[in-house]
Amino acid sequence: MDYNEAQHLALLVMRVSLGLMLAAHGYGKFFTGGRIPGTAKWFDSIGMRPGRLHALMAASTEVGAGLLLALGLLHTPAAAGIVGVMTVAGWTVHRHNGFYILNEGWEYVFIIAVMAVGLAMLGPGRWSIDATLGIDDDLDGWLGLLLAAGGGLSTAVAILAGFFRPPPSPEPESGD
């Protein structure tokens, strides 16, 4: 796509901001709080079993896809990874809480996924490793939409179908 300098700068700012924010989120799973063991216990508690596998997959996807997106390296597959991990998070954790993130709703993960798809459609911009390698226009536009949204969603559905077993809801107390 033909962009002016300001548009290339805007792509860089959006790519780096979203990518580093997501990479930091994954870094936190590895190195802060309960780290992988704590994250694994939490994953087990919400029904993503085995928890350790999913903690490692989520943290690795967030760090890896985030850094790739920030660098503009294989940015459309990186966007697909972001869509996948945000879809799983939205379905397993946030969907029952309504829309707003203030109530732990799905607003935040939805916006991250949509931004990733939008970036895949627009291409990484001139200031990216993909542009340096000459592959910056190969996976953008409608193909970027298909790969990022379709690839991310289909991967999330496969992961959820194969591994998500939500714990039973507590029985309501009888009013006898």
Protein backbone atom coordinates (compact mmCIF):
# COMPACT_ATOMS: atom_id res chain seq x y z
CA MET A 1 0.00 0.00 0.00
CA ASP A 2 1.15 3.51 -0.66
CA TYR A 3 1.40 5.60 2.48
CA ASN A 4 2.86 8.98 3.28
CA GLU A 5 5.50 9.40 6.00
CA ALA A 6 2.93 10.25 8.69
CA GLN A 7 0.99 7.07 7.93
CA HIS A 8 4.16 4.96 8.13
CA LEU A 9 4.89 6.59 11.48
CA ALA A 10 1.33 5.86 12.66
CA LEU A 11 1.73 2.18 11.71
CA LEU A 12 5.03 2.04 13.57
CA VAL A 13 3.55 3.63 16.70
CA MET A 14 0.51 1.34 16.70
CA ARG A 15 2.54 -1.80 15.96
CA VAL A 16 5.18 -1.10 18.61
CA SER A 17 2.63 0.00 21.24
CA LEU A 18 0.37 -3.01 20.82
CA GLY A 19 3.23 -5.45 20.44
CA LEU A 20 5.22 -4.30 23.47
CA MET A 21 2.09 -4.08 25.62
CA LEU A 22 1.25 -7.69 24.81
CA ALA A 23 4.87 -8.84 25.23
CA ALA A 24 4.90 -7.21 28.68
CA HIS A 25 1.73 -9.08 29.57
CA GLY A 26 3.40 -12.38 28.65
CA TYR A 27 6.59 -11.38 30.44
CA GLY A 28 4.51 -10.97 33.59
CA LYS A 29 3.33 -14.56 33.31
CA PHE A 30 6.95 -15.72 33.15
CA PHE A 31 8.66 -13.44 35.66
CA THR A 32 6.25 -11.66 38.04
CA GLY A 33 3.56 -12.64 40.50
CA GLY A 34 3.03 -16.38 40.62
CA ARG A 35 5.12 -16.89 37.48
CA ILE A 36 4.41 -19.99 35.41
CA PRO A 37 3.53 -22.22 38.41
CA GLY A 38 0.98 -19.69 39.70
CA THR A 39 -0.37 -19.03 36.22
CA ALA A 40 -0.63 -22.79 35.66
CA LYS A 41 -2.71 -23.21 38.84
CA TRP A 42 -4.98 -20.39 37.69
CA PHE A 43 -5.36 -21.96 34.23
CA ASP A 44 -6.27 -25.27 35.89
CA SER A 45 -8.83 -23.48 38.06
CA ILE A 46 -10.65 -21.98 35.06
CA GLY A 47 -10.68 -25.29 33.17
CA MET A 48 -7.73 -24.89 30.80
CA ARG A 49 -5.97 -28.18 31.45
CA PRO A 50 -3.17 -29.02 31.65
CA GLY A 51 -2.57 -25.65 33.25
CA ARG A 52 1.22 -25.66 32.91
CA LEU A 53 1.02 -26.27 29.16
CA HIS A 54 -1.47 -23.47 28.68
CA ALA A 55 0.43 -21.07 30.93
CA LEU A 56 3.55 -21.66 28.86
CA MET A 57 1.63 -21.40 25.56
CA ALA A 58 -0.15 -18.19 26.55
CA ALA A 59 2.97 -16.51 27.93
CA SER A 60 5.08 -17.58 24.93
CA THR A 61 2.45 -16.45 22.43
CA GLU A 62 2.07 -13.08 24.13
CA VAL A 63 5.82 -12.48 24.25
CA GLY A 64 6.60 -13.94 20.84
CA ALA A 65 3.70 -12.50 18.86
CA GLY A 66 4.04 -9.18 20.67
CA LEU A 67 7.72 -8.83 19.83
CA LEU A 68 7.21 -9.95 16.23
CA LEU A 69 4.43 -7.41 15.78
CA ALA A 70 6.51 -4.64 17.37
CA LEU A 71 9.43 -5.42 15.05
CA GLY A 72 7.21 -5.77 12.02
CA LEU A 73 8.58 -9.26 11.43
CA LEU A 74 6.06 -11.76 10.09
CA HIS A 75 3.52 -9.31 11.34
CA THR A 76 0.42 -11.02 9.92
CA PRO A 77 1.18 -14.39 11.55
CA ALA A 78 1.99 -12.44 14.73
CA ALA A 79 -1.42 -10.77 14.49
CA ALA A 80 -3.03 -14.22 14.13
CA GLY A 81 -1.30 -15.32 17.33
CA ILE A 82 -2.63 -12.25 19.12
CA VAL A 83 -6.16 -12.88 17.88
CA GLY A 84 -5.92 -16.49 19.03
CA VAL A 85 -4.68 -15.79 22.54
CA MET A 86 -7.13 -12.91 23.04
CA THR A 87 -10.04 -15.06 21.82
CA VAL A 88 -9.19 -17.81 24.29
CA ALA A 89 -8.86 -15.23 27.09
CA GLY A 90 -12.13 -13.60 26.10
CA TRP A 91 -14.02 -16.89 26.04
CA THR A 92 -12.57 -18.49 29.16
CA VAL A 93 -12.27 -15.50 31.48
CA HIS A 94 -14.10 -12.40 30.29
CA ARG A 95 -17.29 -13.31 28.42
CA HIS A 96 -19.48 -13.86 31.48
CA ASN A 97 -18.58 -10.43 32.89
CA GLY A 98 -20.23 -8.30 30.23
CA PHE A 99 -18.55 -5.83 27.92
CA TYR A 100 -16.70 -3.36 30.15
CA ILE A 101 -13.17 -4.11 31.34
CA LEU A 102 -13.96 -2.39 34.65
CA ASN A 103 -16.01 -5.50 35.43
CA GLU A 104 -13.36 -7.83 33.90
CA GLY A 105 -15.47 -7.90 30.72
CA TRP A 106 -14.35 -8.68 27.18
CA GLU A 107 -13.84 -5.09 25.99
CA TYR A 108 -10.02 -5.14 26.39
CA VAL A 109 -9.32 -8.46 24.68
CA PHE A 110 -11.74 -7.60 21.86
CA ILE A 111 -10.01 -4.29 21.12
CA ILE A 112 -6.56 -5.93 21.16
CA ALA A 113 -7.72 -8.59 18.70
CA VAL A 114 -9.41 -6.05 16.41
CA MET A 115 -6.32 -3.83 16.43
CA ALA A 116 -4.15 -6.81 15.50
CA VAL A 117 -6.44 -7.65 12.57
CA GLY A 118 -6.44 -4.02 11.45
CA LEU A 119 -2.65 -3.92 11.51
CA ALA A 120 -2.50 -7.16 9.52
CA MET A 121 -4.76 -5.60 6.89
CA LEU A 122 -2.74 -2.38 6.68
CA GLY A 123 0.66 -4.03 6.49
CA PRO A 124 3.65 -3.35 8.73
CA GLY A 125 4.70 -0.10 7.10
CA ARG A 126 8.04 1.03 5.73
CA TRP A 127 9.80 0.94 9.10
CA SER A 128 9.59 -2.79 9.68
CA ILE A 129 11.74 -5.86 9.21
CA ASP A 130 9.16 -7.20 6.76
CA ALA A 131 9.73 -4.11 4.57
CA THR A 132 13.49 -4.58 4.81
CA LEU A 133 13.06 -8.18 3.65
CA GLY A 134 10.69 -7.12 0.87
CA ILE A 135 7.73 -9.10 2.20
CA ASP A 136 5.73 -6.18 3.61
CA ASP A 137 2.97 -6.30 0.98
CA ASP A 138 2.66 -10.07 0.70
CA LEU A 139 0.16 -10.67 3.50
CA ASP A 140 -1.83 -7.47 3.91
CA GLY A 141 -5.27 -6.33 2.74
CA TRP A 142 -8.01 -8.92 2.52
CA LEU A 143 -5.46 -11.73 2.80
CA GLY A 144 -4.19 -10.18 6.03
CA LEU A 145 -7.77 -10.08 7.33
CA LEU A 146 -8.32 -13.73 6.41
CA LEU A 147 -5.05 -14.94 7.88
CA ALA A 148 -5.10 -12.90 11.09
CA ALA A 149 -8.80 -13.23 11.92
CA GLY A 150 -9.42 -16.66 10.40
CA GLY A 151 -6.15 -18.18 11.57
CA GLY A 152 -6.42 -16.75 15.06
CA LEU A 153 -10.07 -17.67 15.52
CA SER A 154 -9.69 -21.20 14.15
CA THR A 155 -6.68 -21.84 16.38
CA ALA A 156 -8.60 -20.52 19.41
CA VAL A 157 -11.59 -22.74 18.61
CA ALA A 158 -9.33 -25.79 18.30
CA ILE A 159 -7.63 -25.02 21.62
CA LEU A 160 -10.93 -24.43 23.38
CA ALA A 161 -12.52 -27.57 21.92
CA GLY A 162 -9.53 -29.70 22.81
CA PHE A 163 -8.65 -28.38 26.24
CA PHE A 164 -11.27 -26.12 27.86
CA ARG A 165 -13.35 -27.93 30.45
CA PRO A 166 -14.93 -25.29 32.69
CA PRO A 167 -15.46 -26.24 36.29
CA PRO A 168 -19.07 -26.92 37.21
CA SER A 169 -21.05 -23.95 38.45
CA PRO A 170 -21.84 -24.05 42.14
CA GLU A 171 -25.31 -25.34 42.92
CA PRO A 172 -27.67 -22.62 44.09
CA GLU A 173 -28.71 -22.97 47.69
CA SER A 174 -32.26 -24.11 48.12
CA GLY A 175 -34.65 -21.73 49.77
CA ASP A 176 -36.35 -24.42 51.90
